[in-house]
Amino acid sequence: MELVLSLGIGAFAAAGVWLILRPRTFQVVLGLSLLSYAINLFIFAMGRLTVGSPPVLGAGIDTVSVDDPVPQALVLTAVVISFALTALFLVVLLAARGVTGSDHVDGHEPSSAEPRPGHPQP
């Protein structure tokens, strides 16, 4: 189980970093989302991987076999924040595309691309 989770975190992080380094802004936004998912999985895994453990302490329950609720609360909060941040990034992406006429990170199409009608190439 630990190996599968570690490989999943590594795959999300690698794909996220690769997408962040791409020239298109939508790919950068997707890369940030994947990287945030990798970080959330990592934080969630820090709460120990136990199956069938009680979520809260009770009478006669030993503290070693109990799941830690703090990483679960942190991940839940991070998911909500990352969803809002992704929505904000997409709005900024659309506004920047409308202003520049390009979805490249630097705002310019490569010189080999054909200019679109109504959008002169610098």
PDB file of N, CA and C in Angstrom:
ATOM      1  N   MET A   1       0.817  -1.198   0.000  1.00  0.00           N
ATOM      2  CA  MET A   1       0.000   0.000   0.000  1.00  0.00           C
ATOM      3  C   MET A   1       0.858   1.258   0.000  1.00  0.00           C
ATOM      4  N   GLU A   2       1.939   1.228   0.801  1.00  0.00           N
ATOM      5  CA  GLU A   2       2.811   2.399   0.865  1.00  0.00           C
ATOM      6  C   GLU A   2       3.505   2.641  -0.467  1.00  0.00           C
ATOM      7  N   LEU A   3       3.887   1.551  -1.154  1.00  0.00           N
ATOM      8  CA  LEU A   3       4.551   1.684  -2.440  1.00  0.00           C
ATOM      9  C   LEU A   3       3.615   2.292  -3.491  1.00  0.00           C
ATOM     10  N   VAL A   4       2.370   1.849  -3.504  1.00  0.00           N
ATOM     11  CA  VAL A   4       1.396   2.386  -4.462  1.00  0.00           C
ATOM     12  C   VAL A   4       1.150   3.866  -4.198  1.00  0.00           C
ATOM     13  N   LEU A   5       0.999   4.229  -2.938  1.00  0.00           N
ATOM     14  CA  LEU A   5       0.784   5.635  -2.598  1.00  0.00           C
ATOM     15  C   LEU A   5       2.000   6.488  -2.941  1.00  0.00           C
ATOM     16  N   SER A   6       3.186   5.974  -2.668  1.00  0.00           N
ATOM     17  CA  SER A   6       4.404   6.710  -3.004  1.00  0.00           C
ATOM     18  C   SER A   6       4.553   6.896  -4.509  1.00  0.00           C
ATOM     19  N   LEU A   7       4.253   5.858  -5.276  1.00  0.00           N
ATOM     20  CA  LEU A   7       4.317   5.974  -6.739  1.00  0.00           C
ATOM     21  C   LEU A   7       3.263   6.954  -7.264  1.00  0.00           C
ATOM     22  N   GLY A   8       2.078   6.946  -6.670  1.00  0.00           N
ATOM     23  CA  GLY A   8       1.040   7.888  -7.074  1.00  0.00           C
ATOM     24  C   GLY A   8       1.426   9.320  -6.791  1.00  0.00           C
ATOM     25  N   ILE A   9       1.992   9.567  -5.616  1.00  0.00           N
ATOM     26  CA  ILE A   9       2.447  10.915  -5.267  1.00  0.00           C
ATOM     27  C   ILE A   9       3.564  11.348  -6.213  1.00  0.00           C
ATOM     28  N   GLY A  10       4.490  10.438  -6.483  1.00  0.00           N
ATOM     29  CA  GLY A  10       5.589  10.757  -7.395  1.00  0.00           C
ATOM     30  C   GLY A  10       5.109  11.035  -8.807  1.00  0.00           C
ATOM     31  N   ALA A  11       4.126  10.258  -9.276  1.00  0.00           N
ATOM     32  CA  ALA A  11       3.596  10.465 -10.629  1.00  0.00           C
ATOM     33  C   ALA A  11       2.869  11.808 -10.732  1.00  0.00           C
ATOM     34  N   PHE A  12       2.055  12.136  -9.726  1.00  0.00           N
ATOM     35  CA  PHE A  12       1.368  13.431  -9.730  1.00  0.00           C
ATOM     36  C   PHE A  12       2.370  14.584  -9.686  1.00  0.00           C
ATOM     37  N   ALA A  13       3.396  14.455  -8.837  1.00  0.00           N
ATOM     38  CA  ALA A  13       4.382  15.532  -8.717  1.00  0.00           C
ATOM     39  C   ALA A  13       5.185  15.680 -10.006  1.00  0.00           C
ATOM     40  N   ALA A  14       5.595  14.561 -10.606  1.00  0.00           N
ATOM     41  CA  ALA A  14       6.380  14.628 -11.841  1.00  0.00           C
ATOM     42  C   ALA A  14       5.552  15.224 -12.984  1.00  0.00           C
ATOM     43  N   ALA A  15       4.311  14.776 -13.122  1.00  0.00           N
ATOM     44  CA  ALA A  15       3.450  15.317 -14.182  1.00  0.00           C
ATOM     45  C   ALA A  15       3.159  16.794 -13.934  1.00  0.00           C
ATOM     46  N   GLY A  16       2.968  17.173 -12.676  1.00  0.00           N
ATOM     47  CA  GLY A  16       2.717  18.574 -12.352  1.00  0.00           C
ATOM     48  C   GLY A  16       3.894  19.466 -12.674  1.00  0.00           C
ATOM     49  N   VAL A  17       5.096  19.041 -12.318  1.00  0.00           N
ATOM     50  CA  VAL A  17       6.288  19.839 -12.620  1.00  0.00           C
ATOM     51  C   VAL A  17       6.503  19.912 -14.124  1.00  0.00           C
ATOM     52  N   TRP A  18       6.292  18.798 -14.831  1.00  0.00           N
ATOM     53  CA  TRP A  18       6.460  18.808 -16.288  1.00  0.00           C
ATOM     54  C   TRP A  18       5.474  19.773 -16.944  1.00  0.00           C
ATOM     55  N   LEU A  19       4.221  19.779 -16.476  1.00  0.00           N
ATOM     56  CA  LEU A  19       3.229  20.675 -17.057  1.00  0.00           C
ATOM     57  C   LEU A  19       3.486  22.141 -16.696  1.00  0.00           C
ATOM     58  N   ILE A  20       4.037  22.393 -15.519  1.00  0.00           N
ATOM     59  CA  ILE A  20       4.352  23.772 -15.131  1.00  0.00           C
ATOM     60  C   ILE A  20       5.423  24.359 -16.048  1.00  0.00           C
ATOM     61  N   LEU A  21       6.299  23.525 -16.565  1.00  0.00           N
ATOM     62  CA  LEU A  21       7.374  24.003 -17.432  1.00  0.00           C
ATOM     63  C   LEU A  21       6.959  24.128 -18.894  1.00  0.00           C
ATOM     64  N   ARG A  22       5.710  23.880 -19.226  1.00  0.00           N
ATOM     65  CA  ARG A  22       5.219  23.985 -20.604  1.00  0.00           C
ATOM     66  C   ARG A  22       4.953  25.454 -20.956  1.00  0.00           C
ATOM     67  N   PRO A  23       4.913  25.799 -22.257  1.00  0.00           N
ATOM     68  CA  PRO A  23       4.758  27.208 -22.637  1.00  0.00           C
ATOM     69  C   PRO A  23       3.324  27.733 -22.618  1.00  0.00           C
ATOM     70  N   ARG A  24       2.331  26.884 -22.575  1.00  0.00           N
ATOM     71  CA  ARG A  24       0.938  27.326 -22.615  1.00  0.00           C
ATOM     72  C   ARG A  24       0.411  27.531 -21.196  1.00  0.00           C
ATOM     73  N   THR A  25      -0.407  28.560 -21.014  1.00  0.00           N
ATOM     74  CA  THR A  25      -0.878  28.884 -19.669  1.00  0.00           C
ATOM     75  C   THR A  25      -1.856  27.850 -19.126  1.00  0.00           C
ATOM     76  N   PHE A  26      -2.686  27.249 -19.978  1.00  0.00           N
ATOM     77  CA  PHE A  26      -3.618  26.236 -19.484  1.00  0.00           C
ATOM     78  C   PHE A  26      -2.866  25.023 -18.952  1.00  0.00           C
ATOM     79  N   GLN A  27      -1.772  24.660 -19.598  1.00  0.00           N
ATOM     80  CA  GLN A  27      -0.956  23.547 -19.120  1.00  0.00           C
ATOM     81  C   GLN A  27      -0.306  23.886 -17.781  1.00  0.00           C
ATOM     82  N   VAL A  28       0.067  25.136 -17.599  1.00  0.00           N
ATOM     83  CA  VAL A  28       0.642  25.561 -16.326  1.00  0.00           C
ATOM     84  C   VAL A  28      -0.403  25.447 -15.207  1.00  0.00           C
ATOM     85  N   VAL A  29      -1.634  25.835 -15.485  1.00  0.00           N
ATOM     86  CA  VAL A  29      -2.703  25.740 -14.488  1.00  0.00           C
ATOM     87  C   VAL A  29      -2.966  24.275 -14.134  1.00  0.00           C
ATOM     88  N   LEU A  30      -3.000  23.401 -15.137  1.00  0.00           N
ATOM     89  CA  LEU A  30      -3.181  21.975 -14.864  1.00  0.00           C
ATOM     90  C   LEU A  30      -2.013  21.411 -14.057  1.00  0.00           C
ATOM     91  N   GLY A  31      -0.794  21.870 -14.363  1.00  0.00           N
ATOM     92  CA  GLY A  31       0.374  21.431 -13.609  1.00  0.00           C
ATOM     93  C   GLY A  31       0.317  21.856 -12.151  1.00  0.00           C
ATOM     94  N   LEU A  32      -0.141  23.078 -11.901  1.00  0.00           N
ATOM     95  CA  LEU A  32      -0.295  23.534 -10.512  1.00  0.00           C
ATOM     96  C   LEU A  32      -1.339  22.704  -9.778  1.00  0.00           C
ATOM     97  N   SER A  33      -2.410  22.339 -10.471  1.00  0.00           N
ATOM     98  CA  SER A  33      -3.446  21.506  -9.852  1.00  0.00           C
ATOM     99  C   SER A  33      -2.895  20.124  -9.513  1.00  0.00           C
ATOM    100  N   LEU A  34      -2.172  19.514 -10.445  1.00  0.00           N
ATOM    101  CA  LEU A  34      -1.601  18.193 -10.175  1.00  0.00           C
ATOM    102  C   LEU A  34      -0.582  18.242  -9.047  1.00  0.00           C
ATOM    103  N   LEU A  35       0.210  19.296  -9.010  1.00  0.00           N
ATOM    104  CA  LEU A  35       1.187  19.432  -7.928  1.00  0.00           C
ATOM    105  C   LEU A  35       0.495  19.618  -6.581  1.00  0.00           C
ATOM    106  N   SER A  36      -0.607  20.346  -6.555  1.00  0.00           N
ATOM    107  CA  SER A  36      -1.337  20.500  -5.296  1.00  0.00           C
ATOM    108  C   SER A  36      -1.970  19.174  -4.868  1.00  0.00           C
ATOM    109  N   TYR A  37      -2.427  18.362  -5.832  1.00  0.00           N
ATOM    110  CA  TYR A  37      -2.954  17.033  -5.483  1.00  0.00           C
ATOM    111  C   TYR A  37      -1.859  16.150  -4.906  1.00  0.00           C
ATOM    112  N   ALA A  38      -0.651  16.229  -5.470  1.00  0.00           N
ATOM    113  CA  ALA A  38       0.462  15.440  -4.941  1.00  0.00           C
ATOM    114  C   ALA A  38       0.795  15.856  -3.511  1.00  0.00           C
ATOM    115  N   ILE A  39       0.804  17.149  -3.258  1.00  0.00           N
ATOM    116  CA  ILE A  39       1.100  17.641  -1.914  1.00  0.00           C
ATOM    117  C   ILE A  39       0.000  17.232  -0.944  1.00  0.00           C
ATOM    118  N   ASN A  40      -1.263  17.298  -1.381  1.00  0.00           N
ATOM    119  CA  ASN A  40      -2.371  16.872  -0.515  1.00  0.00           C
ATOM    120  C   ASN A  40      -2.272  15.392  -0.184  1.00  0.00           C
ATOM    121  N   LEU A  41      -1.945  14.562  -1.153  1.00  0.00           N
ATOM    122  CA  LEU A  41      -1.768  13.135  -0.883  1.00  0.00           C
ATOM    123  C   LEU A  41      -0.616  12.892   0.083  1.00  0.00           C
ATOM    124  N   PHE A  42       0.459  13.655  -0.077  1.00  0.00           N
ATOM    125  CA  PHE A  42       1.594  13.514   0.837  1.00  0.00           C
ATOM    126  C   PHE A  42       1.208  13.885   2.263  1.00  0.00           C
ATOM    127  N   ILE A  43       0.503  15.001   2.429  1.00  0.00           N
ATOM    128  CA  ILE A  43       0.061  15.409   3.769  1.00  0.00           C
ATOM    129  C   ILE A  43      -0.900  14.379   4.351  1.00  0.00           C
ATOM    130  N   PHE A  44      -1.801  13.861   3.521  1.00  0.00           N
ATOM    131  CA  PHE A  44      -2.755  12.857   3.978  1.00  0.00           C
ATOM    132  C   PHE A  44      -2.035  11.582   4.410  1.00  0.00           C
ATOM    133  N   ALA A  45      -0.979  11.207   3.703  1.00  0.00           N
ATOM    134  CA  ALA A  45      -0.228   9.998   4.054  1.00  0.00           C
ATOM    135  C   ALA A  45       0.553  10.164   5.349  1.00  0.00           C
ATOM    136  N   MET A  46       0.860  11.398   5.734  1.00  0.00           N
ATOM    137  CA  MET A  46       1.581  11.626   6.980  1.00  0.00           C
ATOM    138  C   MET A  46       0.726  11.289   8.204  1.00  0.00           C
ATOM    139  N   GLY A  47      -0.575  11.148   8.033  1.00  0.00           N
ATOM    140  CA  GLY A  47      -1.464  10.770   9.130  1.00  0.00           C
ATOM    141  C   GLY A  47      -1.502   9.276   9.363  1.00  0.00           C
ATOM    142  N   ARG A  48      -0.589   8.535   8.811  1.00  0.00           N
ATOM    143  CA  ARG A  48      -0.459   7.078   8.895  1.00  0.00           C
ATOM    144  C   ARG A  48      -1.473   6.371   8.017  1.00  0.00           C
ATOM    145  N   LEU A  49      -1.047   5.272   7.461  1.00  0.00           N
ATOM    146  CA  LEU A  49      -1.914   4.440   6.642  1.00  0.00           C
ATOM    147  C   LEU A  49      -2.394   3.268   7.481  1.00  0.00           C
ATOM    148  N   THR A  50      -3.558   3.396   8.060  1.00  0.00           N
ATOM    149  CA  THR A  50      -4.128   2.306   8.847  1.00  0.00           C
ATOM    150  C   THR A  50      -5.536   2.022   8.345  1.00  0.00           C
ATOM    151  N   VAL A  51      -5.898   0.762   8.345  1.00  0.00           N
ATOM    152  CA  VAL A  51      -7.218   0.350   7.883  1.00  0.00           C
ATOM    153  C   VAL A  51      -7.993  -0.189   9.079  1.00  0.00           C
ATOM    154  N   GLY A  52      -9.208   0.272   9.239  1.00  0.00           N
ATOM    155  CA  GLY A  52     -10.068  -0.222  10.303  1.00  0.00           C
ATOM    156  C   GLY A  52      -9.778   0.379  11.659  1.00  0.00           C
ATOM    157  N   SER A  53      -9.057   1.488  11.712  1.00  0.00           N
ATOM    158  CA  SER A  53      -8.770   2.138  12.987  1.00  0.00           C
ATOM    159  C   SER A  53      -9.890   3.099  13.338  1.00  0.00           C
ATOM    160  N   PRO A  54     -10.186   3.235  14.636  1.00  0.00           N
ATOM    161  CA  PRO A  54     -11.218   4.193  15.031  1.00  0.00           C
ATOM    162  C   PRO A  54     -10.739   5.622  14.810  1.00  0.00           C
ATOM    163  N   PRO A  55     -11.610   6.521  14.355  1.00  0.00           N
ATOM    164  CA  PRO A  55     -11.196   7.889  14.087  1.00  0.00           C
ATOM    165  C   PRO A  55     -11.015   8.745  15.335  1.00  0.00           C
ATOM    166  N   VAL A  56     -11.632   8.350  16.454  1.00  0.00           N
ATOM    167  CA  VAL A  56     -11.584   9.155  17.665  1.00  0.00           C
ATOM    168  C   VAL A  56     -11.217   8.254  18.835  1.00  0.00           C
ATOM    169  N   LEU A  57     -10.558   8.831  19.831  1.00  0.00           N
ATOM    170  CA  LEU A  57     -10.191   8.074  21.023  1.00  0.00           C
ATOM    171  C   LEU A  57     -11.426   7.717  21.841  1.00  0.00           C
ATOM    172  N   GLY A  58     -11.401   6.559  22.393  1.00  0.00           N
ATOM    173  CA  GLY A  58     -12.480   6.119  23.271  1.00  0.00           C
ATOM    174  C   GLY A  58     -11.879   5.436  24.487  1.00  0.00           C
ATOM    175  N   ALA A  59     -12.726   4.940  25.335  1.00  0.00           N
ATOM    176  CA  ALA A  59     -12.246   4.268  26.542  1.00  0.00           C
ATOM    177  C   ALA A  59     -11.572   2.950  26.165  1.00  0.00           C
ATOM    178  N   GLY A  60     -10.375   2.761  26.639  1.00  0.00           N
ATOM    179  CA  GLY A  60      -9.653   1.517  26.407  1.00  0.00           C
ATOM    180  C   GLY A  60      -8.987   1.410  25.051  1.00  0.00           C
ATOM    181  N   ILE A  61      -8.977   2.486  24.267  1.00  0.00           N
ATOM    182  CA  ILE A  61      -8.329   2.448  22.951  1.00  0.00           C
ATOM    183  C   ILE A  61      -6.947   3.060  23.081  1.00  0.00           C
ATOM    184  N   ASP A  62      -5.993   2.359  22.560  1.00  0.00           N
ATOM    185  CA  ASP A  62      -4.611   2.786  22.639  1.00  0.00           C
ATOM    186  C   ASP A  62      -4.311   3.860  21.578  1.00  0.00           C
ATOM    187  N   THR A  63      -3.511   4.864  21.917  1.00  0.00           N
ATOM    188  CA  THR A  63      -3.287   6.006  21.032  1.00  0.00           C
ATOM    189  C   THR A  63      -2.453   5.663  19.797  1.00  0.00           C
ATOM    190  N   VAL A  64      -1.788   4.534  19.791  1.00  0.00           N
ATOM    191  CA  VAL A  64      -0.964   4.164  18.641  1.00  0.00           C
ATOM    192  C   VAL A  64      -1.829   3.737  17.457  1.00  0.00           C
ATOM    193  N   SER A  65      -3.008   3.150  17.719  1.00  0.00           N
ATOM    194  CA  SER A  65      -3.836   2.609  16.642  1.00  0.00           C
ATOM    195  C   SER A  65      -4.899   3.587  16.139  1.00  0.00           C
ATOM    196  N   VAL A  66      -4.814   4.850  16.541  1.00  0.00           N
ATOM    197  CA  VAL A  66      -5.826   5.819  16.146  1.00  0.00           C
ATOM    198  C   VAL A  66      -5.313   6.677  14.994  1.00  0.00           C
ATOM    199  N   ASP A  67      -6.181   6.938  14.009  1.00  0.00           N
ATOM    200  CA  ASP A  67      -5.818   7.830  12.903  1.00  0.00           C
ATOM    201  C   ASP A  67      -5.680   9.254  13.411  1.00  0.00           C
ATOM    202  N   ASP A  68      -4.769   9.988  12.786  1.00  0.00           N
ATOM    203  CA  ASP A  68      -4.555  11.392  13.144  1.00  0.00           C
ATOM    204  C   ASP A  68      -5.516  12.256  12.331  1.00  0.00           C
ATOM    205  N   PRO A  69      -6.434  12.990  12.973  1.00  0.00           N
ATOM    206  CA  PRO A  69      -7.399  13.790  12.210  1.00  0.00           C
ATOM    207  C   PRO A  69      -6.848  15.104  11.668  1.00  0.00           C
ATOM    208  N   VAL A  70      -5.699  15.560  12.139  1.00  0.00           N
ATOM    209  CA  VAL A  70      -5.165  16.852  11.704  1.00  0.00           C
ATOM    210  C   VAL A  70      -4.803  16.852  10.213  1.00  0.00           C
ATOM    211  N   PRO A  71      -4.073  15.845   9.690  1.00  0.00           N
ATOM    212  CA  PRO A  71      -3.801  15.864   8.241  1.00  0.00           C
ATOM    213  C   PRO A  71      -5.072  15.795   7.403  1.00  0.00           C
ATOM    214  N   GLN A  72      -6.078  15.102   7.886  1.00  0.00           N
ATOM    215  CA  GLN A  72      -7.339  15.028   7.149  1.00  0.00           C
ATOM    216  C   GLN A  72      -8.000  16.404   7.073  1.00  0.00           C
ATOM    217  N   ALA A  73      -7.970  17.135   8.163  1.00  0.00           N
ATOM    218  CA  ALA A  73      -8.538  18.485   8.160  1.00  0.00           C
ATOM    219  C   ALA A  73      -7.715  19.428   7.289  1.00  0.00           C
ATOM    220  N   LEU A  74      -6.394  19.291   7.331  1.00  0.00           N
ATOM    221  CA  LEU A  74      -5.536  20.129   6.492  1.00  0.00           C
ATOM    222  C   LEU A  74      -5.783  19.871   5.010  1.00  0.00           C
ATOM    223  N   VAL A  75      -5.921  18.608   4.628  1.00  0.00           N
ATOM    224  CA  VAL A  75      -6.145  18.273   3.222  1.00  0.00           C
ATOM    225  C   VAL A  75      -7.515  18.770   2.776  1.00  0.00           C
ATOM    226  N   LEU A  76      -8.526  18.635   3.607  1.00  0.00           N
ATOM    227  CA  LEU A  76      -9.851  19.125   3.244  1.00  0.00           C
ATOM    228  C   LEU A  76      -9.826  20.635   3.012  1.00  0.00           C
ATOM    229  N   THR A  77      -9.143  21.355   3.871  1.00  0.00           N
ATOM    230  CA  THR A  77      -9.017  22.793   3.700  1.00  0.00           C
ATOM    231  C   THR A  77      -8.210  23.128   2.444  1.00  0.00           C
ATOM    232  N   ALA A  78      -7.141  22.382   2.200  1.00  0.00           N
ATOM    233  CA  ALA A  78      -6.305  22.637   1.023  1.00  0.00           C
ATOM    234  C   ALA A  78      -7.056  22.351  -0.270  1.00  0.00           C
ATOM    235  N   VAL A  79      -7.929  21.359  -0.287  1.00  0.00           N
ATOM    236  CA  VAL A  79      -8.711  21.057  -1.485  1.00  0.00           C
ATOM    237  C   VAL A  79      -9.642  22.215  -1.822  1.00  0.00           C
ATOM    238  N   VAL A  80     -10.291  22.764  -0.816  1.00  0.00           N
ATOM    239  CA  VAL A  80     -11.200  23.894  -1.045  1.00  0.00           C
ATOM    240  C   VAL A  80     -10.426  25.110  -1.544  1.00  0.00           C
ATOM    241  N   ILE A  81      -9.287  25.395  -0.930  1.00  0.00           N
ATOM    242  CA  ILE A  81      -8.485  26.539  -1.333  1.00  0.00           C
ATOM    243  C   ILE A  81      -7.931  26.344  -2.736  1.00  0.00           C
ATOM    244  N   SER A  82      -7.460  25.141  -3.064  1.00  0.00           N
ATOM    245  CA  SER A  82      -6.901  24.910  -4.404  1.00  0.00           C
ATOM    246  C   SER A  82      -7.982  24.976  -5.481  1.00  0.00           C
ATOM    247  N   PHE A  83      -9.204  24.575  -5.157  1.00  0.00           N
ATOM    248  CA  PHE A  83     -10.299  24.697  -6.118  1.00  0.00           C
ATOM    249  C   PHE A  83     -10.578  26.176  -6.419  1.00  0.00           C
ATOM    250  N   ALA A  84     -10.631  26.996  -5.386  1.00  0.00           N
ATOM    251  CA  ALA A  84     -10.863  28.429  -5.581  1.00  0.00           C
ATOM    252  C   ALA A  84      -9.700  29.076  -6.329  1.00  0.00           C
ATOM    253  N   LEU A  85      -8.480  28.659  -6.012  1.00  0.00           N
ATOM    254  CA  LEU A  85      -7.317  29.220  -6.681  1.00  0.00           C
ATOM    255  C   LEU A  85      -7.275  28.818  -8.160  1.00  0.00           C
ATOM    256  N   THR A  86      -7.669  27.590  -8.472  1.00  0.00           N
ATOM    257  CA  THR A  86      -7.732  27.154  -9.868  1.00  0.00           C
ATOM    258  C   THR A  86      -8.774  27.959 -10.640  1.00  0.00           C
ATOM    259  N   ALA A  87      -9.912  28.211 -10.025  1.00  0.00           N
ATOM    260  CA  ALA A  87     -10.931  29.033 -10.683  1.00  0.00           C
ATOM    261  C   ALA A  87     -10.409  30.444 -10.935  1.00  0.00           C
ATOM    262  N   LEU A  88      -9.691  31.011  -9.976  1.00  0.00           N
ATOM    263  CA  LEU A  88      -9.100  32.339 -10.154  1.00  0.00           C
ATOM    264  C   LEU A  88      -8.065  32.327 -11.279  1.00  0.00           C
ATOM    265  N   PHE A  89      -7.222  31.296 -11.311  1.00  0.00           N
ATOM    266  CA  PHE A  89      -6.220  31.181 -12.376  1.00  0.00           C
ATOM    267  C   PHE A  89      -6.881  31.106 -13.746  1.00  0.00           C
ATOM    268  N   LEU A  90      -7.977  30.368 -13.856  1.00  0.00           N
ATOM    269  CA  LEU A  90      -8.651  30.245 -15.145  1.00  0.00           C
ATOM    270  C   LEU A  90      -9.260  31.577 -15.587  1.00  0.00           C
ATOM    271  N   VAL A  91      -9.794  32.348 -14.655  1.00  0.00           N
ATOM    272  CA  VAL A  91     -10.337  33.670 -15.000  1.00  0.00           C
ATOM    273  C   VAL A  91      -9.214  34.595 -15.462  1.00  0.00           C
ATOM    274  N   VAL A  92      -8.091  34.574 -14.771  1.00  0.00           N
ATOM    275  CA  VAL A  92      -6.953  35.403 -15.169  1.00  0.00           C
ATOM    276  C   VAL A  92      -6.415  34.930 -16.519  1.00  0.00           C
ATOM    277  N   LEU A  93      -6.399  33.624 -16.745  1.00  0.00           N
ATOM    278  CA  LEU A  93      -5.950  33.066 -18.020  1.00  0.00           C
ATOM    279  C   LEU A  93      -6.817  33.558 -19.163  1.00  0.00           C
ATOM    280  N   LEU A  94      -8.121  33.532 -18.987  1.00  0.00           N
ATOM    281  CA  LEU A  94      -9.030  34.002 -20.032  1.00  0.00           C
ATOM    282  C   LEU A  94      -8.877  35.502 -20.281  1.00  0.00           C
ATOM    283  N   ALA A  95      -8.694  36.267 -19.217  1.00  0.00           N
ATOM    284  CA  ALA A  95      -8.502  37.713 -19.384  1.00  0.00           C
ATOM    285  C   ALA A  95      -7.191  38.008 -20.103  1.00  0.00           C
ATOM    286  N   ALA A  96      -6.133  37.295 -19.756  1.00  0.00           N
ATOM    287  CA  ALA A  96      -4.842  37.512 -20.414  1.00  0.00           C
ATOM    288  C   ALA A  96      -4.895  37.085 -21.870  1.00  0.00           C
ATOM    289  N   ARG A  97      -5.627  36.026 -22.171  1.00  0.00           N
ATOM    290  CA  ARG A  97      -5.764  35.598 -23.564  1.00  0.00           C
ATOM    291  C   ARG A  97      -6.533  36.644 -24.363  1.00  0.00           C
ATOM    292  N   GLY A  98      -7.530  37.254 -23.760  1.00  0.00           N
ATOM    293  CA  GLY A  98      -8.273  38.302 -24.449  1.00  0.00           C
ATOM    294  C   GLY A  98      -7.433  39.536 -24.710  1.00  0.00           C
ATOM    295  N   VAL A  99      -6.540  39.874 -23.794  1.00  0.00           N
ATOM    296  CA  VAL A  99      -5.705  41.068 -23.952  1.00  0.00           C
ATOM    297  C   VAL A  99      -4.568  40.816 -24.949  1.00  0.00           C
ATOM    298  N   THR A 100      -3.882  39.675 -24.806  1.00  0.00           N
ATOM    299  CA  THR A 100      -2.701  39.424 -25.638  1.00  0.00           C
ATOM    300  C   THR A 100      -3.023  38.676 -26.930  1.00  0.00           C
ATOM    301  N   GLY A 101      -4.135  37.968 -26.974  1.00  0.00           N
ATOM    302  CA  GLY A 101      -4.470  37.173 -28.152  1.00  0.00           C
ATOM    303  C   GLY A 101      -3.683  35.889 -28.239  1.00  0.00           C
ATOM    304  N   SER A 102      -3.031  35.505 -27.160  1.00  0.00           N
ATOM    305  CA  SER A 102      -2.206  34.298 -27.140  1.00  0.00           C
ATOM    306  C   SER A 102      -2.364  33.619 -25.786  1.00  0.00           C
ATOM    307  N   ASP A 103      -2.155  32.313 -25.765  1.00  0.00           N
ATOM    308  CA  ASP A 103      -2.202  31.621 -24.482  1.00  0.00           C
ATOM    309  C   ASP A 103      -0.819  31.144 -24.058  1.00  0.00           C
ATOM    310  N   HIS A 104       0.217  31.760 -24.626  1.00  0.00           N
ATOM    311  CA  HIS A 104       1.573  31.442 -24.186  1.00  0.00           C
ATOM    312  C   HIS A 104       1.874  32.175 -22.895  1.00  0.00           C
ATOM    313  N   VAL A 105       2.772  31.617 -22.113  1.00  0.00           N
ATOM    314  CA  VAL A 105       3.111  32.185 -20.812  1.00  0.00           C
ATOM    315  C   VAL A 105       3.691  33.585 -20.970  1.00  0.00           C
ATOM    316  N   ASP A 106       4.532  33.787 -21.979  1.00  0.00           N
ATOM    317  CA  ASP A 106       5.133  35.103 -22.167  1.00  0.00           C
ATOM    318  C   ASP A 106       4.266  36.038 -22.999  1.00  0.00           C
ATOM    319  N   GLY A 107       3.132  35.564 -23.503  1.00  0.00           N
ATOM    320  CA  GLY A 107       2.205  36.405 -24.238  1.00  0.00           C
ATOM    321  C   GLY A 107       2.469  36.496 -25.721  1.00  0.00           C
ATOM    322  N   HIS A 108       3.481  35.793 -26.225  1.00  0.00           N
ATOM    323  CA  HIS A 108       3.827  35.855 -27.643  1.00  0.00           C
ATOM    324  C   HIS A 108       3.839  34.455 -28.241  1.00  0.00           C
ATOM    325  N   GLU A 109       3.297  34.339 -29.438  1.00  0.00           N
ATOM    326  CA  GLU A 109       3.365  33.078 -30.179  1.00  0.00           C
ATOM    327  C   GLU A 109       4.793  32.899 -30.696  1.00  0.00           C
ATOM    328  N   PRO A 110       5.215  31.666 -30.909  1.00  0.00           N
ATOM    329  CA  PRO A 110       6.530  31.464 -31.524  1.00  0.00           C
ATOM    330  C   PRO A 110       6.581  32.085 -32.915  1.00  0.00           C
ATOM    331  N   SER A 111       7.758  32.452 -33.368  1.00  0.00           N
ATOM    332  CA  SER A 111       7.895  33.154 -34.641  1.00  0.00           C
ATOM    333  C   SER A 111       7.517  32.286 -35.835  1.00  0.00           C
ATOM    334  N   SER A 112       7.539  30.973 -35.711  1.00  0.00           N
ATOM    335  CA  SER A 112       7.195  30.100 -36.827  1.00  0.00           C
ATOM    336  C   SER A 112       5.687  29.956 -37.019  1.00  0.00           C
ATOM    337  N   ALA A 113       4.896  30.380 -36.064  1.00  0.00           N
ATOM    338  CA  ALA A 113       3.442  30.237 -36.164  1.00  0.00           C
ATOM    339  C   ALA A 113       2.864  31.328 -37.060  1.00  0.00           C
ATOM    340  N   GLU A 114       1.803  30.999 -37.736  1.00  0.00           N
ATOM    341  CA  GLU A 114       1.114  31.960 -38.590  1.00  0.00           C
ATOM    342  C   GLU A 114       0.317  32.926 -37.713  1.00  0.00           C
ATOM    343  N   PRO A 115       0.364  34.223 -38.002  1.00  0.00           N
ATOM    344  CA  PRO A 115      -0.431  35.171 -37.198  1.00  0.00           C
ATOM    345  C   PRO A 115      -1.913  34.993 -37.479  1.00  0.00           C
ATOM    346  N   ARG A 116      -2.701  35.138 -36.438  1.00  0.00           N
ATOM    347  CA  ARG A 116      -4.146  35.022 -36.574  1.00  0.00           C
ATOM    348  C   ARG A 116      -4.709  36.327 -37.099  1.00  0.00           C
ATOM    349  N   PRO A 117      -5.827  36.271 -37.811  1.00  0.00           N
ATOM    350  CA  PRO A 117      -6.438  37.521 -38.300  1.00  0.00           C
ATOM    351  C   PRO A 117      -6.839  38.416 -37.134  1.00  0.00           C
ATOM    352  N   GLY A 118      -6.490  39.673 -37.242  1.00  0.00           N
ATOM    353  CA  GLY A 118      -6.843  40.635 -36.201  1.00  0.00           C
ATOM    354  C   GLY A 118      -5.873  40.688 -35.052  1.00  0.00           C
ATOM    355  N   HIS A 119      -4.860  39.805 -35.028  1.00  0.00           N
ATOM    356  CA  HIS A 119      -3.854  39.786 -33.980  1.00  0.00           C
ATOM    357  C   HIS A 119      -2.473  39.865 -34.632  1.00  0.00           C
ATOM    358  N   PRO A 120      -1.936  41.049 -34.801  1.00  0.00           N
ATOM    359  CA  PRO A 120      -0.627  41.168 -35.441  1.00  0.00           C
ATOM    360  C   PRO A 120       0.454  40.540 -34.576  1.00  0.00           C
ATOM    361  N   GLN A 121       1.425  39.973 -35.226  1.00  0.00           N
ATOM    362  CA  GLN A 121       2.540  39.356 -34.517  1.00  0.00           C
ATOM    363  C   GLN A 121       3.643  40.376 -34.315  1.00  0.00           C
ATOM    364  N   PRO A 122       4.238  40.423 -33.099  1.00  0.00           N
ATOM    365  CA  PRO A 122       5.289  41.419 -32.839  1.00  0.00           C
ATOM    366  C   PRO A 122       6.572  41.118 -33.582  1.00  0.00           C
TER     367      PRO A 122
END
